Amino acid sequence: MTFAGITRHDRRRLRASLLPALFAVLLGMPACVQAQESAVTAPSLPAGAIATGDELYMVPIAEDDIGCMQYRMYSPTKAVAQVIFYRAPDGSFTADRSKADCAKKT
């Protein structure tokens, strides 16, 4: 019996000749993935970035109307909150302007 003009014997030979090629392609795929990962370069950080955690940074934006520095969160690999932060008296960051180190200037 033939299928599209190919006999059963021809299909077996075709399968036998394709298996080594398929095996070689599958064996080589991890090498390609590793090459792509190693080609990725470390992103440059925005100017003035302050490290606050594992790949988390606070980046100065601008001073507000009373001279209080505003910051935004940045990470080259993680999702971050899109919130304006201020520096607290203890050096941490807060989204509450009234708790910011510059709150006393008001």
Protein backbone atom coordinates (compact mmCIF):
# COMPACT_ATOMS: atom_id res chain seq x y z
CA MET A 1 0.00 0.00 0.00
CA THR A 2 1.32 3.45 -0.81
CA PHE A 3 0.66 6.79 0.79
CA ALA A 4 1.08 9.69 -1.61
CA GLY A 5 3.32 7.54 -3.77
CA ILE A 6 5.60 6.47 -0.89
CA THR A 7 5.74 2.82 0.06
CA ARG A 8 5.93 1.59 3.63
CA HIS A 9 9.56 0.60 3.10
CA ASP A 10 10.42 4.11 1.83
CA ARG A 11 8.75 5.71 4.84
CA ARG A 12 10.82 3.58 7.21
CA ARG A 13 14.02 4.57 5.43
CA LEU A 14 12.96 8.23 5.50
CA ARG A 15 12.24 8.02 9.23
CA ALA A 16 15.55 6.29 9.86
CA SER A 17 17.42 9.02 7.99
CA LEU A 18 15.57 11.86 9.77
CA LEU A 19 16.03 10.55 13.32
CA PRO A 20 19.78 11.34 13.57
CA ALA A 21 19.17 14.85 12.22
CA LEU A 22 16.31 15.43 14.67
CA PHE A 23 18.43 14.10 17.52
CA ALA A 24 21.29 16.46 16.57
CA VAL A 25 18.94 19.45 16.49
CA LEU A 26 17.41 18.61 19.86
CA LEU A 27 20.84 18.00 21.37
CA GLY A 28 22.12 21.36 20.12
CA MET A 29 19.17 23.45 21.36
CA PRO A 30 20.41 23.94 24.96
CA ALA A 31 23.69 25.31 23.59
CA CYS A 32 21.77 27.91 21.60
CA VAL A 33 19.76 28.94 24.66
CA GLN A 34 22.92 29.29 26.76
CA ALA A 35 24.57 31.40 24.06
CA GLN A 36 21.59 33.75 23.96
CA GLU A 37 21.49 34.14 27.74
CA SER A 38 25.20 34.90 27.98
CA ALA A 39 24.89 37.50 25.22
CA VAL A 40 22.56 39.62 27.38
CA THR A 41 24.51 42.47 28.92
CA ALA A 42 23.84 44.05 32.28
CA PRO A 43 21.60 47.10 31.87
CA SER A 44 23.00 50.45 32.84
CA LEU A 45 21.36 52.04 35.86
CA PRO A 46 19.75 55.47 35.75
CA ALA A 47 21.83 58.33 37.12
CA GLY A 48 21.72 58.63 40.91
CA ALA A 49 20.16 55.19 41.46
CA ILE A 50 20.23 54.04 45.10
CA ALA A 51 20.22 50.27 45.72
CA THR A 52 17.41 49.25 48.08
CA GLY A 53 17.19 45.51 47.45
CA ASP A 54 17.95 42.69 45.05
CA GLU A 55 17.88 44.48 41.68
CA LEU A 56 15.68 47.22 43.15
CA TYR A 57 16.71 50.86 43.04
CA MET A 58 15.29 54.27 43.92
CA VAL A 59 15.99 56.86 41.25
CA PRO A 60 15.69 60.61 41.93
CA ILE A 61 13.07 62.32 39.76
CA ALA A 62 12.99 65.96 40.80
CA GLU A 63 12.37 68.21 43.78
CA ASP A 64 8.79 69.15 44.54
CA ASP A 65 7.55 72.69 45.21
CA ILE A 66 9.10 72.80 48.71
CA GLY A 67 12.43 71.27 47.72
CA CYS A 68 11.69 67.69 48.78
CA MET A 69 13.40 65.15 46.50
CA GLN A 70 11.02 62.74 44.80
CA TYR A 71 12.09 59.22 43.81
CA ARG A 72 10.72 56.45 41.63
CA MET A 73 11.38 52.73 41.97
CA TYR A 74 13.39 51.03 39.21
CA SER A 75 14.38 47.45 38.46
CA PRO A 76 15.94 46.08 35.29
CA THR A 77 14.23 42.70 35.80
CA LYS A 78 11.22 43.09 38.12
CA ALA A 79 7.86 44.82 38.03
CA VAL A 80 7.81 47.85 40.31
CA ALA A 81 5.14 50.15 41.74
CA GLN A 82 4.62 53.39 39.84
CA VAL A 83 4.51 55.61 42.93
CA ILE A 84 6.37 58.76 43.96
CA PHE A 85 8.54 58.06 47.00
CA TYR A 86 10.27 60.39 49.45
CA ARG A 87 13.27 59.83 51.73
CA ALA A 88 12.35 59.19 55.38
CA PRO A 89 14.49 60.53 58.27
CA ASP A 90 15.95 57.05 58.88
CA GLY A 91 17.13 56.80 55.25
CA SER A 92 14.38 54.47 54.07
CA PHE A 93 11.79 55.46 51.45
CA THR A 94 8.13 56.25 51.98
CA ALA A 95 5.21 57.12 49.73
CA ASP A 96 3.77 59.30 52.53
CA ARG A 97 5.05 62.84 52.03
CA SER A 98 4.18 63.80 55.61
CA LYS A 99 6.66 61.19 56.89
CA ALA A 100 9.43 62.38 54.57
CA ASP A 101 12.60 63.97 55.89
CA CYS A 102 11.65 67.25 54.21
CA ALA A 103 8.16 67.38 55.81
CA LYS A 104 9.54 69.74 58.45
CA LYS A 105 10.18 72.37 55.75
CA THR A 106 6.44 72.88 55.18
